[in-house]
Amino acid sequence: MGKAFLTSCRIFICLCSDAFKDEVTKMLWAMSYMNTGRAAKWAFRELEQEVLSGRFRFTDWMDFEDEFQKDFTPLNSEATAVNVLEGTTYFQQKGSVHDYLDQFRDLIYESGYTTPRPWW
């Protein structure tokens, strides 16, 4: 869910770059959509800290993304993907070839594999 949110933010910021005059505007815009559940609490805490200290904890959008990912993306997603790929339970089963290949590509990306690995 966190990755999807960041992807949507990146796309919108890219498409409407003129609407974002600075890094703070990007961060505030993203936090304005964080209005339910854990995300709302996280944004509230960050904005409260900004009020108390007079400045954002984040230096720029990339810093904001890094901190957001720590709290809203799966821990050890790389290790999880590697375990699935190198385990003995990952099969196509009854899904379509297209779904299987999409999932496989996602696992390769998540695993961080960039070159073929020996499987023996």
PDB file of N, CA and C in Angstrom:
ATOM      1  N   MET A   1       0.818  -1.183   0.000  1.00  0.00           N
ATOM      2  CA  MET A   1       0.000   0.000   0.000  1.00  0.00           C
ATOM      3  C   MET A   1       0.871   1.261   0.000  1.00  0.00           C
ATOM      4  N   GLY A   2       1.936   1.254   0.805  1.00  0.00           N
ATOM      5  CA  GLY A   2       2.829   2.400   0.867  1.00  0.00           C
ATOM      6  C   GLY A   2       3.531   2.671  -0.450  1.00  0.00           C
ATOM      7  N   LYS A   3       3.943   1.591  -1.121  1.00  0.00           N
ATOM      8  CA  LYS A   3       4.623   1.755  -2.411  1.00  0.00           C
ATOM      9  C   LYS A   3       3.678   2.338  -3.453  1.00  0.00           C
ATOM     10  N   ALA A   4       2.433   1.899  -3.430  1.00  0.00           N
ATOM     11  CA  ALA A   4       1.441   2.414  -4.381  1.00  0.00           C
ATOM     12  C   ALA A   4       1.197   3.904  -4.147  1.00  0.00           C
ATOM     13  N   PHE A   5       1.120   4.296  -2.879  1.00  0.00           N
ATOM     14  CA  PHE A   5       0.920   5.710  -2.564  1.00  0.00           C
ATOM     15  C   PHE A   5       2.088   6.550  -3.073  1.00  0.00           C
ATOM     16  N   LEU A   6       3.315   6.101  -2.806  1.00  0.00           N
ATOM     17  CA  LEU A   6       4.482   6.853  -3.275  1.00  0.00           C
ATOM     18  C   LEU A   6       4.538   6.927  -4.791  1.00  0.00           C
ATOM     19  N   THR A   7       4.195   5.837  -5.444  1.00  0.00           N
ATOM     20  CA  THR A   7       4.187   5.840  -6.909  1.00  0.00           C
ATOM     21  C   THR A   7       3.183   6.857  -7.435  1.00  0.00           C
ATOM     22  N   SER A   8       1.999   6.891  -6.847  1.00  0.00           N
ATOM     23  CA  SER A   8       0.986   7.872  -7.258  1.00  0.00           C
ATOM     24  C   SER A   8       1.478   9.296  -7.025  1.00  0.00           C
ATOM     25  N   CYS A   9       2.114   9.518  -5.882  1.00  0.00           N
ATOM     26  CA  CYS A   9       2.659  10.852  -5.592  1.00  0.00           C
ATOM     27  C   CYS A   9       3.718  11.243  -6.616  1.00  0.00           C
ATOM     28  N   ARG A  10       4.637  10.335  -6.906  1.00  0.00           N
ATOM     29  CA  ARG A  10       5.706  10.630  -7.875  1.00  0.00           C
ATOM     30  C   ARG A  10       5.119  10.986  -9.241  1.00  0.00           C
ATOM     31  N   ILE A  11       4.131  10.211  -9.665  1.00  0.00           N
ATOM     32  CA  ILE A  11       3.514  10.457 -10.973  1.00  0.00           C
ATOM     33  C   ILE A  11       2.870  11.836 -10.998  1.00  0.00           C
ATOM     34  N   PHE A  12       2.084  12.149  -9.981  1.00  0.00           N
ATOM     35  CA  PHE A  12       1.403  13.438  -9.959  1.00  0.00           C
ATOM     36  C   PHE A  12       2.401  14.585  -9.900  1.00  0.00           C
ATOM     37  N   ILE A  13       3.422  14.461  -9.064  1.00  0.00           N
ATOM     38  CA  ILE A  13       4.439  15.509  -8.960  1.00  0.00           C
ATOM     39  C   ILE A  13       5.139  15.715 -10.293  1.00  0.00           C
ATOM     40  N   CYS A  14       5.409  14.621 -10.987  1.00  0.00           N
ATOM     41  CA  CYS A  14       6.052  14.718 -12.304  1.00  0.00           C
ATOM     42  C   CYS A  14       5.131  15.394 -13.322  1.00  0.00           C
ATOM     43  N   LEU A  15       3.876  14.992 -13.318  1.00  0.00           N
ATOM     44  CA  LEU A  15       2.918  15.538 -14.289  1.00  0.00           C
ATOM     45  C   LEU A  15       2.581  17.001 -14.022  1.00  0.00           C
ATOM     46  N   CYS A  16       2.586  17.391 -12.764  1.00  0.00           N
ATOM     47  CA  CYS A  16       2.188  18.751 -12.381  1.00  0.00           C
ATOM     48  C   CYS A  16       3.315  19.468 -11.655  1.00  0.00           C
ATOM     49  N   SER A  17       4.514  19.335 -12.175  1.00  0.00           N
ATOM     50  CA  SER A  17       5.689  19.876 -11.481  1.00  0.00           C
ATOM     51  C   SER A  17       5.592  21.377 -11.231  1.00  0.00           C
ATOM     52  N   ASP A  18       4.886  22.108 -12.091  1.00  0.00           N
ATOM     53  CA  ASP A  18       4.747  23.553 -11.899  1.00  0.00           C
ATOM     54  C   ASP A  18       3.938  23.899 -10.647  1.00  0.00           C
ATOM     55  N   ALA A  19       3.137  22.956 -10.170  1.00  0.00           N
ATOM     56  CA  ALA A  19       2.308  23.203  -8.987  1.00  0.00           C
ATOM     57  C   ALA A  19       3.103  23.116  -7.688  1.00  0.00           C
ATOM     58  N   PHE A  20       4.329  22.606  -7.771  1.00  0.00           N
ATOM     59  CA  PHE A  20       5.134  22.403  -6.571  1.00  0.00           C
ATOM     60  C   PHE A  20       6.334  23.338  -6.602  1.00  0.00           C
ATOM     61  N   LYS A  21       6.198  24.449  -5.904  1.00  0.00           N
ATOM     62  CA  LYS A  21       7.231  25.482  -5.963  1.00  0.00           C
ATOM     63  C   LYS A  21       8.499  25.101  -5.216  1.00  0.00           C
ATOM     64  N   ASP A  22       8.376  24.170  -4.240  1.00  0.00           N
ATOM     65  CA  ASP A  22       9.551  23.762  -3.470  1.00  0.00           C
ATOM     66  C   ASP A  22       9.307  22.382  -2.861  1.00  0.00           C
ATOM     67  N   GLU A  23      10.304  21.891  -2.158  1.00  0.00           N
ATOM     68  CA  GLU A  23      10.243  20.556  -1.560  1.00  0.00           C
ATOM     69  C   GLU A  23       9.183  20.467  -0.457  1.00  0.00           C
ATOM     70  N   VAL A  24       9.050  21.524   0.314  1.00  0.00           N
ATOM     71  CA  VAL A  24       8.064  21.518   1.396  1.00  0.00           C
ATOM     72  C   VAL A  24       6.661  21.382   0.829  1.00  0.00           C
ATOM     73  N   THR A  25       6.381  22.036  -0.273  1.00  0.00           N
ATOM     74  CA  THR A  25       5.068  21.939  -0.902  1.00  0.00           C
ATOM     75  C   THR A  25       4.764  20.499  -1.304  1.00  0.00           C
ATOM     76  N   LYS A  26       5.747  19.794  -1.840  1.00  0.00           N
ATOM     77  CA  LYS A  26       5.554  18.386  -2.195  1.00  0.00           C
ATOM     78  C   LYS A  26       5.201  17.558  -0.969  1.00  0.00           C
ATOM     79  N   MET A  27       5.945  17.766   0.104  1.00  0.00           N
ATOM     80  CA  MET A  27       5.730  16.975   1.315  1.00  0.00           C
ATOM     81  C   MET A  27       4.368  17.279   1.940  1.00  0.00           C
ATOM     82  N   LEU A  28       4.015  18.553   2.015  1.00  0.00           N
ATOM     83  CA  LEU A  28       2.714  18.919   2.580  1.00  0.00           C
ATOM     84  C   LEU A  28       1.579  18.370   1.724  1.00  0.00           C
ATOM     85  N   TRP A  29       1.728  18.445   0.412  1.00  0.00           N
ATOM     86  CA  TRP A  29       0.702  17.907  -0.483  1.00  0.00           C
ATOM     87  C   TRP A  29       0.516  16.414  -0.231  1.00  0.00           C
ATOM     88  N   ALA A  30       1.602  15.659  -0.158  1.00  0.00           N
ATOM     89  CA  ALA A  30       1.500  14.220   0.088  1.00  0.00           C
ATOM     90  C   ALA A  30       0.848  13.948   1.437  1.00  0.00           C
ATOM     91  N   MET A  31       1.262  14.678   2.469  1.00  0.00           N
ATOM     92  CA  MET A  31       0.690  14.462   3.799  1.00  0.00           C
ATOM     93  C   MET A  31      -0.786  14.844   3.854  1.00  0.00           C
ATOM     94  N   SER A  32      -1.221  15.724   2.966  1.00  0.00           N
ATOM     95  CA  SER A  32      -2.638  16.103   2.970  1.00  0.00           C
ATOM     96  C   SER A  32      -3.533  14.930   2.579  1.00  0.00           C
ATOM     97  N   TYR A  33      -2.972  13.928   1.919  1.00  0.00           N
ATOM     98  CA  TYR A  33      -3.730  12.730   1.552  1.00  0.00           C
ATOM     99  C   TYR A  33      -3.599  11.615   2.582  1.00  0.00           C
ATOM    100  N   MET A  34      -2.804  11.840   3.580  1.00  0.00           N
ATOM    101  CA  MET A  34      -2.612  10.847   4.637  1.00  0.00           C
ATOM    102  C   MET A  34      -3.584  11.175   5.757  1.00  0.00           C
ATOM    103  N   ASN A  35      -4.859  10.814   5.567  1.00  0.00           N
ATOM    104  CA  ASN A  35      -5.882  11.269   6.497  1.00  0.00           C
ATOM    105  C   ASN A  35      -6.684  10.159   7.179  1.00  0.00           C
ATOM    106  N   THR A  36      -6.190   8.927   7.107  1.00  0.00           N
ATOM    107  CA  THR A  36      -6.847   7.839   7.832  1.00  0.00           C
ATOM    108  C   THR A  36      -5.793   6.899   8.420  1.00  0.00           C
ATOM    109  N   GLY A  37      -6.180   6.204   9.474  1.00  0.00           N
ATOM    110  CA  GLY A  37      -5.353   5.154  10.053  1.00  0.00           C
ATOM    111  C   GLY A  37      -3.978   5.606  10.488  1.00  0.00           C
ATOM    112  N   ARG A  38      -3.017   4.698  10.339  1.00  0.00           N
ATOM    113  CA  ARG A  38      -1.632   4.960  10.744  1.00  0.00           C
ATOM    114  C   ARG A  38      -1.038   6.140   9.999  1.00  0.00           C
ATOM    115  N   ALA A  39      -1.410   6.279   8.725  1.00  0.00           N
ATOM    116  CA  ALA A  39      -0.857   7.376   7.928  1.00  0.00           C
ATOM    117  C   ALA A  39      -1.270   8.724   8.499  1.00  0.00           C
ATOM    118  N   ALA A  40      -2.521   8.843   8.925  1.00  0.00           N
ATOM    119  CA  ALA A  40      -2.994  10.103   9.509  1.00  0.00           C
ATOM    120  C   ALA A  40      -2.233  10.418  10.795  1.00  0.00           C
ATOM    121  N   LYS A  41      -2.006   9.412  11.615  1.00  0.00           N
ATOM    122  CA  LYS A  41      -1.271   9.613  12.864  1.00  0.00           C
ATOM    123  C   LYS A  41       0.174  10.018  12.586  1.00  0.00           C
ATOM    124  N   TRP A  42       0.783   9.382  11.584  1.00  0.00           N
ATOM    125  CA  TRP A  42       2.165   9.689  11.207  1.00  0.00           C
ATOM    126  C   TRP A  42       2.272  11.139  10.734  1.00  0.00           C
ATOM    127  N   ALA A  43       1.365  11.530   9.829  1.00  0.00           N
ATOM    128  CA  ALA A  43       1.392  12.896   9.301  1.00  0.00           C
ATOM    129  C   ALA A  43       1.153  13.906  10.423  1.00  0.00           C
ATOM    130  N   PHE A  44       0.219  13.603  11.321  1.00  0.00           N
ATOM    131  CA  PHE A  44      -0.065  14.492  12.442  1.00  0.00           C
ATOM    132  C   PHE A  44       1.179  14.696  13.302  1.00  0.00           C
ATOM    133  N   ARG A  45       1.864  13.581  13.629  1.00  0.00           N
ATOM    134  CA  ARG A  45       3.086  13.687  14.441  1.00  0.00           C
ATOM    135  C   ARG A  45       4.137  14.535  13.742  1.00  0.00           C
ATOM    136  N   GLU A  46       4.305  14.322  12.443  1.00  0.00           N
ATOM    137  CA  GLU A  46       5.316  15.093  11.709  1.00  0.00           C
ATOM    138  C   GLU A  46       4.969  16.571  11.685  1.00  0.00           C
ATOM    139  N   LEU A  47       3.700  16.881  11.482  1.00  0.00           N
ATOM    140  CA  LEU A  47       3.296  18.283  11.442  1.00  0.00           C
ATOM    141  C   LEU A  47       3.382  18.933  12.829  1.00  0.00           C
ATOM    142  N   GLU A  48       3.090  18.169  13.866  1.00  0.00           N
ATOM    143  CA  GLU A  48       3.246  18.684  15.229  1.00  0.00           C
ATOM    144  C   GLU A  48       4.713  18.998  15.522  1.00  0.00           C
ATOM    145  N   GLN A  49       5.605  18.123  15.103  1.00  0.00           N
ATOM    146  CA  GLN A  49       7.048  18.363  15.286  1.00  0.00           C
ATOM    147  C   GLN A  49       7.485  19.609  14.531  1.00  0.00           C
ATOM    148  N   GLU A  50       6.908  19.807  13.353  1.00  0.00           N
ATOM    149  CA  GLU A  50       7.249  20.986  12.553  1.00  0.00           C
ATOM    150  C   GLU A  50       6.809  22.253  13.283  1.00  0.00           C
ATOM    151  N   VAL A  51       5.630  22.214  13.894  1.00  0.00           N
ATOM    152  CA  VAL A  51       5.132  23.373  14.643  1.00  0.00           C
ATOM    153  C   VAL A  51       6.043  23.657  15.841  1.00  0.00           C
ATOM    154  N   LEU A  52       6.431  22.615  16.553  1.00  0.00           N
ATOM    155  CA  LEU A  52       7.261  22.788  17.750  1.00  0.00           C
ATOM    156  C   LEU A  52       8.673  23.265  17.430  1.00  0.00           C
ATOM    157  N   SER A  53       9.258  22.719  16.368  1.00  0.00           N
ATOM    158  CA  SER A  53      10.649  23.051  16.054  1.00  0.00           C
ATOM    159  C   SER A  53      10.785  24.205  15.066  1.00  0.00           C
ATOM    160  N   GLY A  54       9.719  24.505  14.337  1.00  0.00           N
ATOM    161  CA  GLY A  54       9.776  25.582  13.352  1.00  0.00           C
ATOM    162  C   GLY A  54      10.304  25.155  12.000  1.00  0.00           C
ATOM    163  N   ARG A  55      10.547  23.857  11.838  1.00  0.00           N
ATOM    164  CA  ARG A  55      11.016  23.370  10.540  1.00  0.00           C
ATOM    165  C   ARG A  55      10.679  21.894  10.404  1.00  0.00           C
ATOM    166  N   PHE A  56      10.645  21.452   9.162  1.00  0.00           N
ATOM    167  CA  PHE A  56      10.384  20.039   8.912  1.00  0.00           C
ATOM    168  C   PHE A  56      11.589  19.197   9.278  1.00  0.00           C
ATOM    169  N   ARG A  57      11.319  17.990   9.695  1.00  0.00           N
ATOM    170  CA  ARG A  57      12.390  17.023   9.970  1.00  0.00           C
ATOM    171  C   ARG A  57      13.037  16.582   8.669  1.00  0.00           C
ATOM    172  N   PHE A  58      12.287  16.621   7.585  1.00  0.00           N
ATOM    173  CA  PHE A  58      12.780  16.158   6.290  1.00  0.00           C
ATOM    174  C   PHE A  58      13.461  17.306   5.556  1.00  0.00           C
ATOM    175  N   THR A  59      14.601  17.019   4.967  1.00  0.00           N
ATOM    176  CA  THR A  59      15.322  18.067   4.250  1.00  0.00           C
ATOM    177  C   THR A  59      14.810  18.268   2.833  1.00  0.00           C
ATOM    178  N   ASP A  60      14.278  17.184   2.228  1.00  0.00           N
ATOM    179  CA  ASP A  60      13.750  17.271   0.866  1.00  0.00           C
ATOM    180  C   ASP A  60      12.819  16.086   0.609  1.00  0.00           C
ATOM    181  N   TRP A  61      12.290  16.011  -0.613  1.00  0.00           N
ATOM    182  CA  TRP A  61      11.351  14.954  -0.964  1.00  0.00           C
ATOM    183  C   TRP A  61      11.963  13.567  -0.796  1.00  0.00           C
ATOM    184  N   MET A  62      13.210  13.394  -1.176  1.00  0.00           N
ATOM    185  CA  MET A  62      13.850  12.080  -1.058  1.00  0.00           C
ATOM    186  C   MET A  62      13.967  11.667   0.413  1.00  0.00           C
ATOM    187  N   ASP A  63      14.282  12.592   1.270  1.00  0.00           N
ATOM    188  CA  ASP A  63      14.344  12.316   2.705  1.00  0.00           C
ATOM    189  C   ASP A  63      12.954  11.914   3.219  1.00  0.00           C
ATOM    190  N   PHE A  64      11.926  12.630   2.771  1.00  0.00           N
ATOM    191  CA  PHE A  64      10.543  12.291   3.127  1.00  0.00           C
ATOM    192  C   PHE A  64      10.212  10.869   2.671  1.00  0.00           C
ATOM    193  N   GLU A  65      10.542  10.535   1.421  1.00  0.00           N
ATOM    194  CA  GLU A  65      10.288   9.191   0.889  1.00  0.00           C
ATOM    195  C   GLU A  65      10.994   8.124   1.715  1.00  0.00           C
ATOM    196  N   ASP A  66      12.246   8.362   2.052  1.00  0.00           N
ATOM    197  CA  ASP A  66      13.000   7.388   2.843  1.00  0.00           C
ATOM    198  C   ASP A  66      12.318   7.110   4.178  1.00  0.00           C
ATOM    199  N   GLU A  67      11.912   8.160   4.860  1.00  0.00           N
ATOM    200  CA  GLU A  67      11.248   7.989   6.149  1.00  0.00           C
ATOM    201  C   GLU A  67       9.876   7.343   5.990  1.00  0.00           C
ATOM    202  N   PHE A  68       9.163   7.734   4.953  1.00  0.00           N
ATOM    203  CA  PHE A  68       7.849   7.142   4.682  1.00  0.00           C
ATOM    204  C   PHE A  68       7.996   5.644   4.446  1.00  0.00           C
ATOM    205  N   GLN A  69       8.982   5.261   3.648  1.00  0.00           N
ATOM    206  CA  GLN A  69       9.188   3.844   3.344  1.00  0.00           C
ATOM    207  C   GLN A  69       9.525   3.036   4.593  1.00  0.00           C
ATOM    208  N   LYS A  70      10.260   3.624   5.513  1.00  0.00           N
ATOM    209  CA  LYS A  70      10.592   2.911   6.756  1.00  0.00           C
ATOM    210  C   LYS A  70       9.337   2.527   7.525  1.00  0.00           C
ATOM    211  N   ASP A  71       8.321   3.391   7.475  1.00  0.00           N
ATOM    212  CA  ASP A  71       7.101   3.143   8.247  1.00  0.00           C
ATOM    213  C   ASP A  71       5.981   2.468   7.471  1.00  0.00           C
ATOM    214  N   PHE A  72       5.984   2.571   6.137  1.00  0.00           N
ATOM    215  CA  PHE A  72       4.811   2.118   5.384  1.00  0.00           C
ATOM    216  C   PHE A  72       5.096   1.108   4.278  1.00  0.00           C
ATOM    217  N   THR A  73       6.308   0.625   4.192  1.00  0.00           N
ATOM    218  CA  THR A  73       6.582  -0.440   3.224  1.00  0.00           C
ATOM    219  C   THR A  73       7.077  -1.658   3.993  1.00  0.00           C
ATOM    220  N   PRO A  74       6.875  -2.825   3.428  1.00  0.00           N
ATOM    221  CA  PRO A  74       7.221  -4.049   4.163  1.00  0.00           C
ATOM    222  C   PRO A  74       8.693  -4.109   4.551  1.00  0.00           C
ATOM    223  N   LEU A  75       8.932  -4.578   5.767  1.00  0.00           N
ATOM    224  CA  LEU A  75      10.303  -4.812   6.203  1.00  0.00           C
ATOM    225  C   LEU A  75      10.838  -6.039   5.480  1.00  0.00           C
ATOM    226  N   ASN A  76      12.083  -6.017   5.147  1.00  0.00           N
ATOM    227  CA  ASN A  76      12.746  -7.168   4.534  1.00  0.00           C
ATOM    228  C   ASN A  76      12.052  -7.668   3.272  1.00  0.00           C
ATOM    229  N   SER A  77      11.504  -6.765   2.474  1.00  0.00           N
ATOM    230  CA  SER A  77      10.820  -7.200   1.251  1.00  0.00           C
ATOM    231  C   SER A  77      11.792  -7.902   0.304  1.00  0.00           C
ATOM    232  N   GLU A  78      13.054  -7.483   0.330  1.00  0.00           N
ATOM    233  CA  GLU A  78      14.049  -8.138  -0.519  1.00  0.00           C
ATOM    234  C   GLU A  78      14.242  -9.590  -0.078  1.00  0.00           C
ATOM    235  N   ALA A  79      14.427  -9.810   1.215  1.00  0.00           N
ATOM    236  CA  ALA A  79      14.633 -11.169   1.723  1.00  0.00           C
ATOM    237  C   ALA A  79      13.398 -12.034   1.504  1.00  0.00           C
ATOM    238  N   THR A  80      12.230 -11.460   1.677  1.00  0.00           N
ATOM    239  CA  THR A  80      10.993 -12.208   1.448  1.00  0.00           C
ATOM    240  C   THR A  80      10.904 -12.660   0.002  1.00  0.00           C
ATOM    241  N   ALA A  81      11.207 -11.764  -0.935  1.00  0.00           N
ATOM    242  CA  ALA A  81      11.160 -12.112  -2.360  1.00  0.00           C
ATOM    243  C   ALA A  81      12.182 -13.192  -2.697  1.00  0.00           C
ATOM    244  N   VAL A  82      13.383 -13.080  -2.160  1.00  0.00           N
ATOM    245  CA  VAL A  82      14.420 -14.093  -2.397  1.00  0.00           C
ATOM    246  C   VAL A  82      13.958 -15.446  -1.874  1.00  0.00           C
ATOM    247  N   ASN A  83      13.375 -15.465  -0.688  1.00  0.00           N
ATOM    248  CA  ASN A  83      12.898 -16.719  -0.115  1.00  0.00           C
ATOM    249  C   ASN A  83      11.814 -17.364  -0.975  1.00  0.00           C
ATOM    250  N   VAL A  84      10.933 -16.554  -1.523  1.00  0.00           N
ATOM    251  CA  VAL A  84       9.892 -17.104  -2.402  1.00  0.00           C
ATOM    252  C   VAL A  84      10.526 -17.667  -3.665  1.00  0.00           C
ATOM    253  N   LEU A  85      11.419 -16.895  -4.281  1.00  0.00           N
ATOM    254  CA  LEU A  85      12.046 -17.342  -5.527  1.00  0.00           C
ATOM    255  C   LEU A  85      12.901 -18.587  -5.343  1.00  0.00           C
ATOM    256  N   GLU A  86      13.600 -18.666  -4.229  1.00  0.00           N
ATOM    257  CA  GLU A  86      14.525 -19.778  -4.022  1.00  0.00           C
ATOM    258  C   GLU A  86      13.909 -20.929  -3.224  1.00  0.00           C
ATOM    259  N   GLY A  87      12.661 -20.756  -2.805  1.00  0.00           N
ATOM    260  CA  GLY A  87      11.981 -21.805  -2.060  1.00  0.00           C
ATOM    261  C   GLY A  87      11.423 -22.874  -2.994  1.00  0.00           C
ATOM    262  N   THR A  88      10.723 -23.801  -2.409  1.00  0.00           N
ATOM    263  CA  THR A  88      10.175 -24.924  -3.188  1.00  0.00           C
ATOM    264  C   THR A  88       8.662 -24.845  -3.348  1.00  0.00           C
ATOM    265  N   THR A  89       8.037 -23.750  -2.913  1.00  0.00           N
ATOM    266  CA  THR A  89       6.582 -23.668  -2.961  1.00  0.00           C
ATOM    267  C   THR A  89       6.046 -22.706  -4.012  1.00  0.00           C
ATOM    268  N   TYR A  90       6.901 -22.055  -4.757  1.00  0.00           N
ATOM    269  CA  TYR A  90       6.456 -21.072  -5.746  1.00  0.00           C
ATOM    270  C   TYR A  90       6.193 -21.758  -7.078  1.00  0.00           C
ATOM    271  N   PHE A  91       4.906 -21.850  -7.442  1.00  0.00           N
ATOM    272  CA  PHE A  91       4.499 -22.478  -8.695  1.00  0.00           C
ATOM    273  C   PHE A  91       3.389 -21.647  -9.326  1.00  0.00           C
ATOM    274  N   GLN A  92       3.153 -21.881 -10.595  1.00  0.00           N
ATOM    275  CA  GLN A  92       2.085 -21.177 -11.303  1.00  0.00           C
ATOM    276  C   GLN A  92       0.716 -21.571 -10.760  1.00  0.00           C
ATOM    277  N   GLN A  93       0.556 -22.802 -10.414  1.00  0.00           N
ATOM    278  CA  GLN A  93      -0.713 -23.352  -9.938  1.00  0.00           C
ATOM    279  C   GLN A  93      -1.809 -23.114 -10.971  1.00  0.00           C
ATOM    280  N   LYS A  94      -2.970 -22.590 -10.584  1.00  0.00           N
ATOM    281  CA  LYS A  94      -4.094 -22.457 -11.515  1.00  0.00           C
ATOM    282  C   LYS A  94      -4.206 -21.069 -12.137  1.00  0.00           C
ATOM    283  N   GLY A  95      -3.277 -20.177 -11.810  1.00  0.00           N
ATOM    284  CA  GLY A  95      -3.322 -18.831 -12.367  1.00  0.00           C
ATOM    285  C   GLY A  95      -2.901 -18.804 -13.824  1.00  0.00           C
ATOM    286  N   SER A  96      -3.181 -17.698 -14.476  1.00  0.00           N
ATOM    287  CA  SER A  96      -2.797 -17.558 -15.883  1.00  0.00           C
ATOM    288  C   SER A  96      -1.283 -17.363 -16.003  1.00  0.00           C
ATOM    289  N   VAL A  97      -0.773 -17.633 -17.181  1.00  0.00           N
ATOM    290  CA  VAL A  97       0.654 -17.429 -17.445  1.00  0.00           C
ATOM    291  C   VAL A  97       1.005 -15.953 -17.262  1.00  0.00           C
ATOM    292  N   HIS A  98       0.122 -15.081 -17.713  1.00  0.00           N
ATOM    293  CA  HIS A  98       0.383 -13.637 -17.593  1.00  0.00           C
ATOM    294  C   HIS A  98       0.487 -13.217 -16.120  1.00  0.00           C
ATOM    295  N   ASP A  99      -0.433 -13.699 -15.287  1.00  0.00           N
ATOM    296  CA  ASP A  99      -0.378 -13.373 -13.857  1.00  0.00           C
ATOM    297  C   ASP A  99       0.891 -13.933 -13.219  1.00  0.00           C
ATOM    298  N   TYR A 100       1.237 -15.152 -13.589  1.00  0.00           N
ATOM    299  CA  TYR A 100       2.436 -15.789 -13.050  1.00  0.00           C
ATOM    300  C   TYR A 100       3.689 -14.998 -13.434  1.00  0.00           C
ATOM    301  N   LEU A 101       3.780 -14.599 -14.695  1.00  0.00           N
ATOM    302  CA  LEU A 101       4.947 -13.829 -15.147  1.00  0.00           C
ATOM    303  C   LEU A 101       5.005 -12.453 -14.484  1.00  0.00           C
ATOM    304  N   ASP A 102       3.846 -11.804 -14.317  1.00  0.00           N
ATOM    305  CA  ASP A 102       3.821 -10.516 -13.624  1.00  0.00           C
ATOM    306  C   ASP A 102       4.327 -10.669 -12.195  1.00  0.00           C
ATOM    307  N   GLN A 103       3.855 -11.702 -11.503  1.00  0.00           N
ATOM    308  CA  GLN A 103       4.292 -11.937 -10.134  1.00  0.00           C
ATOM    309  C   GLN A 103       5.786 -12.265 -10.097  1.00  0.00           C
ATOM    310  N   PHE A 104       6.253 -13.052 -11.061  1.00  0.00           N
ATOM    311  CA  PHE A 104       7.665 -13.409 -11.129  1.00  0.00           C
ATOM    312  C   PHE A 104       8.524 -12.154 -11.334  1.00  0.00           C
ATOM    313  N   ARG A 105       8.117 -11.293 -12.251  1.00  0.00           N
ATOM    314  CA  ARG A 105       8.856 -10.050 -12.488  1.00  0.00           C
ATOM    315  C   ARG A 105       8.883  -9.179 -11.230  1.00  0.00           C
ATOM    316  N   ASP A 106       7.752  -9.113 -10.530  1.00  0.00           N
ATOM    317  CA  ASP A 106       7.706  -8.350  -9.283  1.00  0.00           C
ATOM    318  C   ASP A 106       8.676  -8.924  -8.253  1.00  0.00           C
ATOM    319  N   LEU A 107       8.713 -10.249  -8.148  1.00  0.00           N
ATOM    320  CA  LEU A 107       9.627 -10.891  -7.200  1.00  0.00           C
ATOM    321  C   LEU A 107      11.082 -10.627  -7.567  1.00  0.00           C
ATOM    322  N   ILE A 108      11.405 -10.693  -8.845  1.00  0.00           N
ATOM    323  CA  ILE A 108      12.779 -10.412  -9.291  1.00  0.00           C
ATOM    324  C   ILE A 108      13.152  -8.978  -8.916  1.00  0.00           C
ATOM    325  N   TYR A 109      12.243  -8.048  -9.180  1.00  0.00           N
ATOM    326  CA  TYR A 109      12.499  -6.648  -8.845  1.00  0.00           C
ATOM    327  C   TYR A 109      12.680  -6.477  -7.340  1.00  0.00           C
ATOM    328  N   GLU A 110      11.753  -7.031  -6.561  1.00  0.00           N
ATOM    329  CA  GLU A 110      11.814  -6.909  -5.104  1.00  0.00           C
ATOM    330  C   GLU A 110      13.074  -7.556  -4.528  1.00  0.00           C
ATOM    331  N   SER A 111      13.514  -8.652  -5.137  1.00  0.00           N
ATOM    332  CA  SER A 111      14.668  -9.384  -4.615  1.00  0.00           C
ATOM    333  C   SER A 111      15.972  -8.623  -4.799  1.00  0.00           C
ATOM    334  N   GLY A 112      15.985  -7.725  -5.766  1.00  0.00           N
ATOM    335  CA  GLY A 112      17.211  -6.996  -6.053  1.00  0.00           C
ATOM    336  C   GLY A 112      18.148  -7.739  -6.988  1.00  0.00           C
ATOM    337  N   TYR A 113      17.699  -8.892  -7.482  1.00  0.00           N
ATOM    338  CA  TYR A 113      18.539  -9.640  -8.422  1.00  0.00           C
ATOM    339  C   TYR A 113      18.764  -8.813  -9.684  1.00  0.00           C
ATOM    340  N   THR A 114      20.008  -8.717 -10.088  1.00  0.00           N
ATOM    341  CA  THR A 114      20.316  -7.993 -11.320  1.00  0.00           C
ATOM    342  C   THR A 114      21.026  -8.878 -12.342  1.00  0.00           C
ATOM    343  N   THR A 115      21.562  -9.981 -11.899  1.00  0.00           N
ATOM    344  CA  THR A 115      22.217 -10.919 -12.805  1.00  0.00           C
ATOM    345  C   THR A 115      21.715 -12.326 -12.492  1.00  0.00           C
ATOM    346  N   PRO A 116      21.752 -13.201 -13.471  1.00  0.00           N
ATOM    347  CA  PRO A 116      21.309 -14.584 -13.198  1.00  0.00           C
ATOM    348  C   PRO A 116      22.142 -15.206 -12.096  1.00  0.00           C
ATOM    349  N   ARG A 117      21.473 -15.987 -11.276  1.00  0.00           N
ATOM    350  CA  ARG A 117      22.155 -16.687 -10.185  1.00  0.00           C
ATOM    351  C   ARG A 117      22.104 -18.183 -10.444  1.00  0.00           C
ATOM    352  N   PRO A 118      23.148 -18.888 -10.093  1.00  0.00           N
ATOM    353  CA  PRO A 118      23.094 -20.352 -10.234  1.00  0.00           C
ATOM    354  C   PRO A 118      22.063 -20.929  -9.252  1.00  0.00           C
ATOM    355  N   TRP A 119      21.315 -21.910  -9.669  1.00  0.00           N
ATOM    356  CA  TRP A 119      20.259 -22.480  -8.832  1.00  0.00           C
ATOM    357  C   TRP A 119      20.640 -23.867  -8.305  1.00  0.00           C
ATOM    358  N   TRP A 120      21.932 -24.159  -8.226  1.00  0.00           N
ATOM    359  CA  TRP A 120      22.335 -25.459  -7.696  1.00  0.00           C
ATOM    360  C   TRP A 120      22.949 -25.343  -6.343  1.00  0.00           C
TER     361      TRP A 120
END
